[in-house]
Every structure is written in structure tokens, then in C-alpha cells.
């Protein structure tokens, strides 16, 4: 079996924690690059874009398009309704729920 990496693009509803509850002090903008955790200790890299606005303030909620970078270790069965956390380093700054998987790609790893 050929090893592969998986990448996902999906639409999600994300919420940033308010500043007074340990969240960010400043808003996030298109192309924001936090880490993502899906009920595991592993963190995955990705990028968030906001189709309906340019920014999201701490304490706010928005619809976002998320693109995860390729990884061997990401779950192969992400689906609508799955929850995740947004992290900056070890600090949790928000949460999200997948609304719709737009694209799932499996990329063969050449060894």
C-alpha cells in the first residue's frame, strides 16, 4: 500500500474566545493560519478565509473556508458536524464545527 498524505478544504462555523476569557486581543483576517486539533493531541496546519467579511473580532462567530495542509496523520474520515479547536502555539483561541467538506485529496508520498 502506497503511503499518502491527506488535505482537506471545508466550510465551518468558527468562534473566537473573547479577550476576557483568554482569547486573542486583536481580530483575525483572511489567510489567518492557526493550528487545528480534531479531538487528538496532534495539531494540524491550515489557513482560514472569510467569504462574508474581511475580519473576525475576538468573541465573534463567522462562516469560514478552511484549507488544511497535507498531513499523514490527519483523520481520513472528517465529516460534517465534527468539532475542532483553533490554537496559536499551545493557547486555545477558539472552536469550530465543520459544516461541509468541499474537497478531500489523497496525495501519494514518493519514498
PDB file of N, CA and C in Angstrom:
ATOM      1  N   UNK A   1       0.840  -1.178   0.000  1.00  0.00           N
ATOM      2  CA  UNK A   1       0.000   0.000   0.000  1.00  0.00           C
ATOM      3  C   UNK A   1       0.890   1.248   0.000  1.00  0.00           C
ATOM      4  N   UNK A   2       0.608   2.166  -0.879  1.00  0.00           N
ATOM      5  CA  UNK A   2       1.389   3.391  -1.000  1.00  0.00           C
ATOM      6  C   UNK A   2       1.016   4.357   0.118  1.00  0.00           C
ATOM      7  N   UNK A   3       2.007   4.858   0.879  1.00  0.00           N
ATOM      8  CA  UNK A   3       1.682   5.858   1.894  1.00  0.00           C
ATOM      9  C   UNK A   3       1.198   7.141   1.222  1.00  0.00           C
ATOM     10  N   UNK A   4       0.332   7.853   1.910  1.00  0.00           N
ATOM     11  CA  UNK A   4      -0.185   9.083   1.343  1.00  0.00           C
ATOM     12  C   UNK A   4      -0.445  10.112   2.436  1.00  0.00           C
ATOM     13  N   UNK A   5      -0.555  11.359   2.002  1.00  0.00           N
ATOM     14  CA  UNK A   5      -0.950  12.454   2.866  1.00  0.00           C
ATOM     15  C   UNK A   5      -2.345  12.887   2.430  1.00  0.00           C
ATOM     16  N   UNK A   6      -3.078  13.460   3.371  1.00  0.00           N
ATOM     17  CA  UNK A   6      -4.434  13.906   3.077  1.00  0.00           C
ATOM     18  C   UNK A   6      -4.509  15.407   3.300  1.00  0.00           C
ATOM     19  N   UNK A   7      -5.239  16.091   2.438  1.00  0.00           N
ATOM     20  CA  UNK A   7      -5.524  17.505   2.620  1.00  0.00           C
ATOM     21  C   UNK A   7      -7.034  17.699   2.503  1.00  0.00           C
ATOM     22  N   UNK A   8      -7.559  18.619   3.263  1.00  0.00           N
ATOM     23  CA  UNK A   8      -8.991  18.899   3.252  1.00  0.00           C
ATOM     24  C   UNK A   8      -9.234  20.379   3.005  1.00  0.00           C
ATOM     25  N   UNK A   9     -10.357  20.691   2.350  1.00  0.00           N
ATOM     26  CA  UNK A   9     -10.932  22.030   2.291  1.00  0.00           C
ATOM     27  C   UNK A   9     -12.368  21.869   2.754  1.00  0.00           C
ATOM     28  N   UNK A  10     -12.781  22.715   3.685  1.00  0.00           N
ATOM     29  CA  UNK A  10     -14.151  22.608   4.187  1.00  0.00           C
ATOM     30  C   UNK A  10     -14.673  23.955   4.664  1.00  0.00           C
ATOM     31  N   UNK A  11     -15.996  24.048   4.716  1.00  0.00           N
ATOM     32  CA  UNK A  11     -16.674  25.207   5.270  1.00  0.00           C
ATOM     33  C   UNK A  11     -17.002  24.885   6.722  1.00  0.00           C
ATOM     34  N   UNK A  12     -16.796  25.873   7.601  1.00  0.00           N
ATOM     35  CA  UNK A  12     -17.040  25.661   9.022  1.00  0.00           C
ATOM     36  C   UNK A  12     -17.600  26.926   9.647  1.00  0.00           C
ATOM     37  N   UNK A  13     -18.222  26.764  10.798  1.00  0.00           N
ATOM     38  CA  UNK A  13     -18.591  27.888  11.646  1.00  0.00           C
ATOM     39  C   UNK A  13     -17.541  27.944  12.737  1.00  0.00           C
ATOM     40  N   UNK A  14     -16.851  29.085  12.856  1.00  0.00           N
ATOM     41  CA  UNK A  14     -15.836  29.209  13.893  1.00  0.00           C
ATOM     42  C   UNK A  14     -16.211  30.327  14.859  1.00  0.00           C
ATOM     43  N   UNK A  15     -15.792  30.168  16.101  1.00  0.00           N
ATOM     44  CA  UNK A  15     -15.995  31.175  17.143  1.00  0.00           C
ATOM     45  C   UNK A  15     -14.675  31.417  17.844  1.00  0.00           C
ATOM     46  N   UNK A  16     -14.316  32.688  17.975  1.00  0.00           N
ATOM     47  CA  UNK A  16     -13.124  33.050  18.733  1.00  0.00           C
ATOM     48  C   UNK A  16     -13.532  33.364  20.163  1.00  0.00           C
ATOM     49  N   UNK A  17     -12.702  32.957  21.131  1.00  0.00           N
ATOM     50  CA  UNK A  17     -12.977  33.272  22.524  1.00  0.00           C
ATOM     51  C   UNK A  17     -12.836  34.777  22.735  1.00  0.00           C
ATOM     52  N   UNK A  18     -13.658  35.357  23.626  1.00  0.00           N
ATOM     53  CA  UNK A  18     -13.479  36.773  23.960  1.00  0.00           C
ATOM     54  C   UNK A  18     -12.135  36.995  24.659  1.00  0.00           C
ATOM     55  N   UNK A  19     -11.589  38.174  24.538  1.00  0.00           N
ATOM     56  CA  UNK A  19     -10.303  38.503  25.157  1.00  0.00           C
ATOM     57  C   UNK A  19     -10.335  38.221  26.661  1.00  0.00           C
ATOM     58  N   UNK A  20     -11.416  38.600  27.323  1.00  0.00           N
ATOM     59  CA  UNK A  20     -11.507  38.424  28.780  1.00  0.00           C
ATOM     60  C   UNK A  20     -11.595  36.952  29.204  1.00  0.00           C
ATOM     61  N   UNK A  21     -11.846  36.053  28.259  1.00  0.00           N
ATOM     62  CA  UNK A  21     -11.881  34.608  28.542  1.00  0.00           C
ATOM     63  C   UNK A  21     -10.649  33.905  27.985  1.00  0.00           C
ATOM     64  N   UNK A  22      -9.566  34.645  27.795  1.00  0.00           N
ATOM     65  CA  UNK A  22      -8.316  34.045  27.341  1.00  0.00           C
ATOM     66  C   UNK A  22      -8.108  34.055  25.847  1.00  0.00           C
ATOM     67  N   UNK A  23      -8.999  34.717  25.113  1.00  0.00           N
ATOM     68  CA  UNK A  23      -8.876  34.763  23.656  1.00  0.00           C
ATOM     69  C   UNK A  23      -7.886  35.817  23.198  1.00  0.00           C
ATOM     70  N   UNK A  24      -7.840  35.992  21.911  1.00  0.00           N
ATOM     71  CA  UNK A  24      -6.957  36.982  21.292  1.00  0.00           C
ATOM     72  C   UNK A  24      -7.346  38.396  21.711  1.00  0.00           C
ATOM     73  N   UNK A  25      -6.388  39.305  21.548  1.00  0.00           N
ATOM     74  CA  UNK A  25      -6.662  40.718  21.829  1.00  0.00           C
ATOM     75  C   UNK A  25      -7.049  41.472  20.562  1.00  0.00           C
ATOM     76  N   UNK A  26      -6.647  40.928  19.402  1.00  0.00           N
ATOM     77  CA  UNK A  26      -6.885  41.599  18.125  1.00  0.00           C
ATOM     78  C   UNK A  26      -7.677  40.673  17.203  1.00  0.00           C
ATOM     79  N   UNK A  27      -8.347  41.245  16.202  1.00  0.00           N
ATOM     80  CA  UNK A  27      -9.101  40.414  15.260  1.00  0.00           C
ATOM     81  C   UNK A  27      -8.187  39.571  14.378  1.00  0.00           C
ATOM     82  N   UNK A  28      -8.783  38.592  13.712  1.00  0.00           N
ATOM     83  CA  UNK A  28      -8.065  37.808  12.705  1.00  0.00           C
ATOM     84  C   UNK A  28      -8.620  38.204  11.339  1.00  0.00           C
ATOM     85  N   UNK A  29      -7.802  38.022  10.317  1.00  0.00           N
ATOM     86  CA  UNK A  29      -8.147  38.447   8.962  1.00  0.00           C
ATOM     87  C   UNK A  29      -8.048  37.266   8.005  1.00  0.00           C
ATOM     88  N   UNK A  30      -8.498  37.482   6.752  1.00  0.00           N
ATOM     89  CA  UNK A  30      -8.339  36.457   5.716  1.00  0.00           C
ATOM     90  C   UNK A  30      -6.905  35.940   5.718  1.00  0.00           C
ATOM     91  N   UNK A  31      -6.769  34.654   5.457  1.00  0.00           N
ATOM     92  CA  UNK A  31      -5.477  33.969   5.384  1.00  0.00           C
ATOM     93  C   UNK A  31      -4.834  33.780   6.763  1.00  0.00           C
ATOM     94  N   UNK A  32      -5.653  33.843   7.804  1.00  0.00           N
ATOM     95  CA  UNK A  32      -5.213  33.560   9.177  1.00  0.00           C
ATOM     96  C   UNK A  32      -4.771  32.099   9.237  1.00  0.00           C
ATOM     97  N   UNK A  33      -3.636  31.816   9.900  1.00  0.00           N
ATOM     98  CA  UNK A  33      -3.049  30.477   9.915  1.00  0.00           C
ATOM     99  C   UNK A  33      -2.843  29.941  11.327  1.00  0.00           C
ATOM    100  N   UNK A  34      -3.929  29.547  12.005  1.00  0.00           N
ATOM    101  CA  UNK A  34      -3.768  28.904  13.304  1.00  0.00           C
ATOM    102  C   UNK A  34      -3.466  27.420  13.106  1.00  0.00           C
ATOM    103  N   UNK A  35      -3.327  26.715  14.206  1.00  0.00           N
ATOM    104  CA  UNK A  35      -3.272  25.255  14.162  1.00  0.00           C
ATOM    105  C   UNK A  35      -4.662  24.733  14.488  1.00  0.00           C
ATOM    106  N   UNK A  36      -4.944  23.509  14.059  1.00  0.00           N
ATOM    107  CA  UNK A  36      -6.248  22.880  14.255  1.00  0.00           C
ATOM    108  C   UNK A  36      -6.059  21.554  14.975  1.00  0.00           C
ATOM    109  N   UNK A  37      -6.963  21.235  15.884  1.00  0.00           N
ATOM    110  CA  UNK A  37      -6.933  19.943  16.568  1.00  0.00           C
ATOM    111  C   UNK A  37      -8.329  19.327  16.489  1.00  0.00           C
ATOM    112  N   UNK A  38      -8.386  18.073  16.061  1.00  0.00           N
ATOM    113  CA  UNK A  38      -9.645  17.351  15.895  1.00  0.00           C
ATOM    114  C   UNK A  38      -9.706  16.203  16.904  1.00  0.00           C
ATOM    115  N   UNK A  39      -9.984  16.513  18.169  1.00  0.00           N
ATOM    116  CA  UNK A  39     -10.120  15.505  19.230  1.00  0.00           C
ATOM    117  C   UNK A  39      -8.885  14.620  19.370  1.00  0.00           C
ATOM    118  N   UNK A  40      -7.716  15.173  19.109  1.00  0.00           N
ATOM    119  CA  UNK A  40      -6.462  14.436  19.274  1.00  0.00           C
ATOM    120  C   UNK A  40      -5.442  15.373  19.894  1.00  0.00           C
ATOM    121  N   UNK A  41      -4.306  14.829  20.265  1.00  0.00           N
ATOM    122  CA  UNK A  41      -3.219  15.662  20.774  1.00  0.00           C
ATOM    123  C   UNK A  41      -2.433  16.288  19.638  1.00  0.00           C
ATOM    124  N   UNK A  42      -2.603  15.777  18.428  1.00  0.00           N
ATOM    125  CA  UNK A  42      -1.875  16.301  17.274  1.00  0.00           C
ATOM    126  C   UNK A  42      -2.510  17.600  16.792  1.00  0.00           C
ATOM    127  N   UNK A  43      -1.659  18.497  16.307  1.00  0.00           N
ATOM    128  CA  UNK A  43      -2.122  19.741  15.725  1.00  0.00           C
ATOM    129  C   UNK A  43      -1.785  19.746  14.235  1.00  0.00           C
ATOM    130  N   UNK A  44      -2.671  20.349  13.449  1.00  0.00           N
ATOM    131  CA  UNK A  44      -2.501  20.402  12.002  1.00  0.00           C
ATOM    132  C   UNK A  44      -2.501  21.851  11.539  1.00  0.00           C
ATOM    133  N   UNK A  45      -1.720  22.130  10.509  1.00  0.00           N
ATOM    134  CA  UNK A  45      -1.620  23.482   9.978  1.00  0.00           C
ATOM    135  C   UNK A  45      -2.672  23.707   8.903  1.00  0.00           C
ATOM    136  N   UNK A  46      -3.128  24.936   8.810  1.00  0.00           N
ATOM    137  CA  UNK A  46      -4.104  25.276   7.788  1.00  0.00           C
ATOM    138  C   UNK A  46      -4.293  26.775   7.699  1.00  0.00           C
ATOM    139  N   UNK A  47      -5.224  27.168   6.831  1.00  0.00           N
ATOM    140  CA  UNK A  47      -5.480  28.585   6.582  1.00  0.00           C
ATOM    141  C   UNK A  47      -6.980  28.834   6.554  1.00  0.00           C
ATOM    142  N   UNK A  48      -7.386  29.963   7.154  1.00  0.00           N
ATOM    143  CA  UNK A  48      -8.798  30.340   7.216  1.00  0.00           C
ATOM    144  C   UNK A  48      -9.030  31.573   6.356  1.00  0.00           C
ATOM    145  N   UNK A  49     -10.100  31.532   5.548  1.00  0.00           N
ATOM    146  CA  UNK A  49     -10.572  32.695   4.800  1.00  0.00           C
ATOM    147  C   UNK A  49     -12.023  32.937   5.182  1.00  0.00           C
ATOM    148  N   UNK A  50     -12.433  34.200   5.110  1.00  0.00           N
ATOM    149  CA  UNK A  50     -13.798  34.578   5.464  1.00  0.00           C
ATOM    150  C   UNK A  50     -14.538  35.058   4.219  1.00  0.00           C
ATOM    151  N   UNK A  51     -15.447  34.251   3.670  1.00  0.00           N
ATOM    152  CA  UNK A  51     -16.129  34.646   2.435  1.00  0.00           C
ATOM    153  C   UNK A  51     -17.095  35.823   2.614  1.00  0.00           C
ATOM    154  N   UNK A  52     -17.613  36.033   3.843  1.00  0.00           N
ATOM    155  CA  UNK A  52     -18.626  37.071   4.052  1.00  0.00           C
ATOM    156  C   UNK A  52     -18.098  38.329   4.726  1.00  0.00           C
ATOM    157  N   UNK A  53     -16.835  38.328   5.140  1.00  0.00           N
ATOM    158  CA  UNK A  53     -16.270  39.504   5.801  1.00  0.00           C
ATOM    159  C   UNK A  53     -14.759  39.482   5.651  1.00  0.00           C
ATOM    160  N   UNK A  54     -14.115  40.553   6.086  1.00  0.00           N
ATOM    161  CA  UNK A  54     -12.662  40.654   5.982  1.00  0.00           C
ATOM    162  C   UNK A  54     -11.960  40.258   7.273  1.00  0.00           C
ATOM    163  N   UNK A  55     -12.700  40.292   8.416  1.00  0.00           N
ATOM    164  CA  UNK A  55     -12.078  40.014   9.704  1.00  0.00           C
ATOM    165  C   UNK A  55     -13.083  39.399  10.666  1.00  0.00           C
ATOM    166  N   UNK A  56     -12.541  38.835  11.757  1.00  0.00           N
ATOM    167  CA  UNK A  56     -13.368  38.289  12.833  1.00  0.00           C
ATOM    168  C   UNK A  56     -12.785  38.771  14.148  1.00  0.00           C
ATOM    169  N   UNK A  57     -13.600  39.477  14.916  1.00  0.00           N
ATOM    170  CA  UNK A  57     -13.180  40.037  16.199  1.00  0.00           C
ATOM    171  C   UNK A  57     -13.189  38.958  17.284  1.00  0.00           C
ATOM    172  N   UNK A  58     -12.354  39.125  18.335  1.00  0.00           N
ATOM    173  CA  UNK A  58     -12.440  38.219  19.489  1.00  0.00           C
ATOM    174  C   UNK A  58     -13.872  38.220  20.041  1.00  0.00           C
ATOM    175  N   UNK A  59     -14.381  37.044  20.361  1.00  0.00           N
ATOM    176  CA  UNK A  59     -15.763  36.907  20.821  1.00  0.00           C
ATOM    177  C   UNK A  59     -16.761  36.735  19.700  1.00  0.00           C
ATOM    178  N   UNK A  60     -16.312  36.837  18.446  1.00  0.00           N
ATOM    179  CA  UNK A  60     -17.201  36.748  17.296  1.00  0.00           C
ATOM    180  C   UNK A  60     -17.315  35.343  16.727  1.00  0.00           C
ATOM    181  N   UNK A  61     -18.337  35.156  15.892  1.00  0.00           N
ATOM    182  CA  UNK A  61     -18.595  33.891  15.201  1.00  0.00           C
ATOM    183  C   UNK A  61     -18.796  34.191  13.723  1.00  0.00           C
ATOM    184  N   UNK A  62     -18.269  33.330  12.860  1.00  0.00           N
ATOM    185  CA  UNK A  62     -18.387  33.551  11.415  1.00  0.00           C
ATOM    186  C   UNK A  62     -18.307  32.231  10.659  1.00  0.00           C
ATOM    187  N   UNK A  63     -18.794  32.268   9.428  1.00  0.00           N
ATOM    188  CA  UNK A  63     -18.594  31.165   8.497  1.00  0.00           C
ATOM    189  C   UNK A  63     -17.222  31.349   7.866  1.00  0.00           C
ATOM    190  N   UNK A  64     -16.478  30.261   7.746  1.00  0.00           N
ATOM    191  CA  UNK A  64     -15.118  30.345   7.219  1.00  0.00           C
ATOM    192  C   UNK A  64     -14.847  29.190   6.269  1.00  0.00           C
ATOM    193  N   UNK A  65     -13.955  29.422   5.317  1.00  0.00           N
ATOM    194  CA  UNK A  65     -13.443  28.378   4.441  1.00  0.00           C
ATOM    195  C   UNK A  65     -12.068  28.015   4.974  1.00  0.00           C
ATOM    196  N   UNK A  66     -11.849  26.748   5.266  1.00  0.00           N
ATOM    197  CA  UNK A  66     -10.604  26.283   5.858  1.00  0.00           C
ATOM    198  C   UNK A  66      -9.931  25.301   4.916  1.00  0.00           C
ATOM    199  N   UNK A  67      -8.635  25.508   4.714  1.00  0.00           N
ATOM    200  CA  UNK A  67      -7.810  24.597   3.919  1.00  0.00           C
ATOM    201  C   UNK A  67      -6.732  24.042   4.832  1.00  0.00           C
ATOM    202  N   UNK A  68      -6.743  22.736   5.044  1.00  0.00           N
ATOM    203  CA  UNK A  68      -5.711  22.097   5.843  1.00  0.00           C
ATOM    204  C   UNK A  68      -4.548  21.694   4.950  1.00  0.00           C
ATOM    205  N   UNK A  69      -3.336  21.889   5.438  1.00  0.00           N
ATOM    206  CA  UNK A  69      -2.154  21.483   4.691  1.00  0.00           C
ATOM    207  C   UNK A  69      -2.022  19.964   4.728  1.00  0.00           C
ATOM    208  N   UNK A  70      -1.338  19.365   3.754  1.00  0.00           N
ATOM    209  CA  UNK A  70      -1.207  17.904   3.710  1.00  0.00           C
ATOM    210  C   UNK A  70      -0.556  17.342   4.978  1.00  0.00           C
ATOM    211  N   UNK A  71      -1.091  16.202   5.422  1.00  0.00           N
ATOM    212  CA  UNK A  71      -0.556  15.521   6.606  1.00  0.00           C
ATOM    213  C   UNK A  71      -0.812  14.023   6.493  1.00  0.00           C
ATOM    214  N   UNK A  72       0.136  13.227   6.959  1.00  0.00           N
ATOM    215  CA  UNK A  72      -0.059  11.773   7.007  1.00  0.00           C
ATOM    216  C   UNK A  72      -0.983  11.371   8.141  1.00  0.00           C
ATOM    217  N   UNK A  73      -1.061  12.212   9.169  1.00  0.00           N
ATOM    218  CA  UNK A  73      -1.696  11.803  10.414  1.00  0.00           C
ATOM    219  C   UNK A  73      -3.112  12.302  10.615  1.00  0.00           C
ATOM    220  N   UNK A  74      -3.616  13.139   9.729  1.00  0.00           N
ATOM    221  CA  UNK A  74      -4.967  13.643   9.909  1.00  0.00           C
ATOM    222  C   UNK A  74      -5.970  12.518   9.673  1.00  0.00           C
ATOM    223  N   UNK A  75      -7.064  12.590  10.399  1.00  0.00           N
ATOM    224  CA  UNK A  75      -8.086  11.556  10.237  1.00  0.00           C
ATOM    225  C   UNK A  75      -8.558  11.503   8.793  1.00  0.00           C
ATOM    226  N   UNK A  76      -8.833  10.298   8.342  1.00  0.00           N
ATOM    227  CA  UNK A  76      -9.244  10.112   6.950  1.00  0.00           C
ATOM    228  C   UNK A  76     -10.751  10.176   6.773  1.00  0.00           C
ATOM    229  N   UNK A  77     -11.444  10.503   7.839  1.00  0.00           N
ATOM    230  CA  UNK A  77     -12.902  10.483   7.736  1.00  0.00           C
ATOM    231  C   UNK A  77     -13.533  11.712   8.374  1.00  0.00           C
ATOM    232  N   UNK A  78     -12.938  12.878   8.194  1.00  0.00           N
ATOM    233  CA  UNK A  78     -13.577  14.090   8.684  1.00  0.00           C
ATOM    234  C   UNK A  78     -14.923  14.234   7.988  1.00  0.00           C
ATOM    235  N   UNK A  79     -15.910  14.727   8.734  1.00  0.00           N
ATOM    236  CA  UNK A  79     -17.259  14.841   8.170  1.00  0.00           C
ATOM    237  C   UNK A  79     -17.994  16.031   8.777  1.00  0.00           C
ATOM    238  N   UNK A  80     -19.104  16.390   8.182  1.00  0.00           N
ATOM    239  CA  UNK A  80     -19.940  17.467   8.703  1.00  0.00           C
ATOM    240  C   UNK A  80     -20.318  17.156  10.140  1.00  0.00           C
ATOM    241  N   UNK A  81     -20.272  18.193  10.978  1.00  0.00           N
ATOM    242  CA  UNK A  81     -20.621  18.032  12.384  1.00  0.00           C
ATOM    243  C   UNK A  81     -19.427  17.786  13.297  1.00  0.00           C
ATOM    244  N   UNK A  82     -18.259  17.462  12.733  1.00  0.00           N
ATOM    245  CA  UNK A  82     -17.059  17.259  13.554  1.00  0.00           C
ATOM    246  C   UNK A  82     -16.602  18.599  14.137  1.00  0.00           C
ATOM    247  N   UNK A  83     -16.246  18.579  15.420  1.00  0.00           N
ATOM    248  CA  UNK A  83     -15.780  19.782  16.104  1.00  0.00           C
ATOM    249  C   UNK A  83     -14.252  19.832  16.094  1.00  0.00           C
ATOM    250  N   UNK A  84     -13.706  21.027  16.236  1.00  0.00           N
ATOM    251  CA  UNK A  84     -12.252  21.205  16.308  1.00  0.00           C
ATOM    252  C   UNK A  84     -11.939  22.426  17.155  1.00  0.00           C
ATOM    253  N   UNK A  85     -10.682  22.536  17.555  1.00  0.00           N
ATOM    254  CA  UNK A  85     -10.226  23.712  18.281  1.00  0.00           C
ATOM    255  C   UNK A  85      -9.203  24.454  17.441  1.00  0.00           C
ATOM    256  N   UNK A  86      -9.143  25.771  17.641  1.00  0.00           N
ATOM    257  CA  UNK A  86      -8.170  26.637  16.985  1.00  0.00           C
ATOM    258  C   UNK A  86      -7.103  26.985  18.019  1.00  0.00           C
ATOM    259  N   UNK A  87      -5.844  26.821  17.639  1.00  0.00           N
ATOM    260  CA  UNK A  87      -4.751  27.073  18.566  1.00  0.00           C
ATOM    261  C   UNK A  87      -3.714  28.006  17.959  1.00  0.00           C
ATOM    262  N   UNK A  88      -3.100  28.795  18.826  1.00  0.00           N
ATOM    263  CA  UNK A  88      -1.919  29.581  18.479  1.00  0.00           C
ATOM    264  C   UNK A  88      -0.841  29.108  19.445  1.00  0.00           C
ATOM    265  N   UNK A  89       0.060  28.295  18.954  1.00  0.00           N
ATOM    266  CA  UNK A  89       1.014  27.626  19.845  1.00  0.00           C
ATOM    267  C   UNK A  89       0.240  26.648  20.721  1.00  0.00           C
ATOM    268  N   UNK A  90       0.381  26.769  22.032  1.00  0.00           N
ATOM    269  CA  UNK A  90      -0.359  25.905  22.958  1.00  0.00           C
ATOM    270  C   UNK A  90      -1.641  26.556  23.473  1.00  0.00           C
ATOM    271  N   UNK A  91      -1.933  27.770  23.024  1.00  0.00           N
ATOM    272  CA  UNK A  91      -3.082  28.520  23.521  1.00  0.00           C
ATOM    273  C   UNK A  91      -4.312  28.281  22.636  1.00  0.00           C
ATOM    274  N   UNK A  92      -5.398  27.827  23.250  1.00  0.00           N
ATOM    275  CA  UNK A  92      -6.654  27.644  22.522  1.00  0.00           C
ATOM    276  C   UNK A  92      -7.323  29.006  22.400  1.00  0.00           C
ATOM    277  N   UNK A  93      -7.587  29.432  21.167  1.00  0.00           N
ATOM    278  CA  UNK A  93      -8.177  30.754  20.926  1.00  0.00           C
ATOM    279  C   UNK A  93      -9.596  30.688  20.383  1.00  0.00           C
ATOM    280  N   UNK A  94     -10.077  29.481  20.049  1.00  0.00           N
ATOM    281  CA  UNK A  94     -11.426  29.367  19.511  1.00  0.00           C
ATOM    282  C   UNK A  94     -11.802  27.934  19.220  1.00  0.00           C
ATOM    283  N   UNK A  95     -13.024  27.782  18.736  1.00  0.00           N
ATOM    284  CA  UNK A  95     -13.550  26.468  18.384  1.00  0.00           C
ATOM    285  C   UNK A  95     -14.266  26.558  17.045  1.00  0.00           C
ATOM    286  N   UNK A  96     -14.568  25.397  16.476  1.00  0.00           N
ATOM    287  CA  UNK A  96     -15.300  25.370  15.224  1.00  0.00           C
ATOM    288  C   UNK A  96     -16.008  24.053  15.009  1.00  0.00           C
ATOM    289  N   UNK A  97     -16.924  24.058  14.047  1.00  0.00           N
ATOM    290  CA  UNK A  97     -17.656  22.863  13.648  1.00  0.00           C
ATOM    291  C   UNK A  97     -17.687  22.823  12.126  1.00  0.00           C
ATOM    292  N   UNK A  98     -17.313  21.677  11.562  1.00  0.00           N
ATOM    293  CA  UNK A  98     -17.352  21.502  10.107  1.00  0.00           C
ATOM    294  C   UNK A  98     -18.804  21.500   9.640  1.00  0.00           C
ATOM    295  N   UNK A  99     -19.100  22.303   8.645  1.00  0.00           N
ATOM    296  CA  UNK A  99     -20.445  22.343   8.047  1.00  0.00           C
ATOM    297  C   UNK A  99     -20.509  21.488   6.786  1.00  0.00           C
ATOM    298  N   UNK A 100     -19.486  21.590   5.942  1.00  0.00           N
ATOM    299  CA  UNK A 100     -19.489  20.826   4.689  1.00  0.00           C
ATOM    300  C   UNK A 100     -18.061  20.620   4.211  1.00  0.00           C
ATOM    301  N   UNK A 101     -17.734  19.379   3.871  1.00  0.00           N
ATOM    302  CA  UNK A 101     -16.443  19.072   3.266  1.00  0.00           C
ATOM    303  C   UNK A 101     -16.521  19.470   1.800  1.00  0.00           C
ATOM    304  N   UNK A 102     -15.656  20.374   1.376  1.00  0.00           N
ATOM    305  CA  UNK A 102     -15.643  20.824  -0.015  1.00  0.00           C
ATOM    306  C   UNK A 102     -14.769  19.920  -0.868  1.00  0.00           C
ATOM    307  N   UNK A 103     -13.617  19.502  -0.302  1.00  0.00           N
ATOM    308  CA  UNK A 103     -12.682  18.694  -1.085  1.00  0.00           C
ATOM    309  C   UNK A 103     -11.792  17.903  -0.143  1.00  0.00           C
ATOM    310  N   UNK A 104     -11.547  16.638  -0.490  1.00  0.00           N
ATOM    311  CA  UNK A 104     -10.607  15.793   0.223  1.00  0.00           C
ATOM    312  C   UNK A 104      -9.663  15.197  -0.815  1.00  0.00           C
ATOM    313  N   UNK A 105      -8.376  15.404  -0.619  1.00  0.00           N
ATOM    314  CA  UNK A 105      -7.378  14.887  -1.566  1.00  0.00           C
ATOM    315  C   UNK A 105      -6.420  13.956  -0.852  1.00  0.00           C
ATOM    316  N   UNK A 106      -6.062  12.884  -1.514  1.00  0.00           N
ATOM    317  CA  UNK A 106      -5.033  11.981  -1.034  1.00  0.00           C
ATOM    318  C   UNK A 106      -3.841  12.124  -1.974  1.00  0.00           C
ATOM    319  N   UNK A 107      -2.708  12.456  -1.395  1.00  0.00           N
ATOM    320  CA  UNK A 107      -1.501  12.703  -2.183  1.00  0.00           C
ATOM    321  C   UNK A 107      -0.506  11.587  -1.887  1.00  0.00           C
ATOM    322  N   UNK A 108      -0.118  10.819  -2.900  1.00  0.00           N
ATOM    323  CA  UNK A 108       0.846   9.731  -2.700  1.00  0.00           C
ATOM    324  C   UNK A 108       2.205  10.309  -2.304  1.00  0.00           C
ATOM    325  N   UNK A 109       2.838   9.654  -1.372  1.00  0.00           N
ATOM    326  CA  UNK A 109       4.165  10.069  -0.919  1.00  0.00           C
ATOM    327  C   UNK A 109       5.191   9.226  -1.664  1.00  0.00           C
ATOM    328  N   UNK A 110       6.086   9.896  -2.347  1.00  0.00           N
ATOM    329  CA  UNK A 110       7.146   9.196  -3.078  1.00  0.00           C
ATOM    330  C   UNK A 110       8.313   9.025  -2.128  1.00  0.00           C
ATOM    331  N   UNK A 111       8.729   7.771  -1.949  1.00  0.00           N
ATOM    332  CA  UNK A 111       9.818   7.497  -0.995  1.00  0.00           C
ATOM    333  C   UNK A 111      11.067   7.089  -1.696  1.00  0.00           C
TER     334      UNK A 111
END
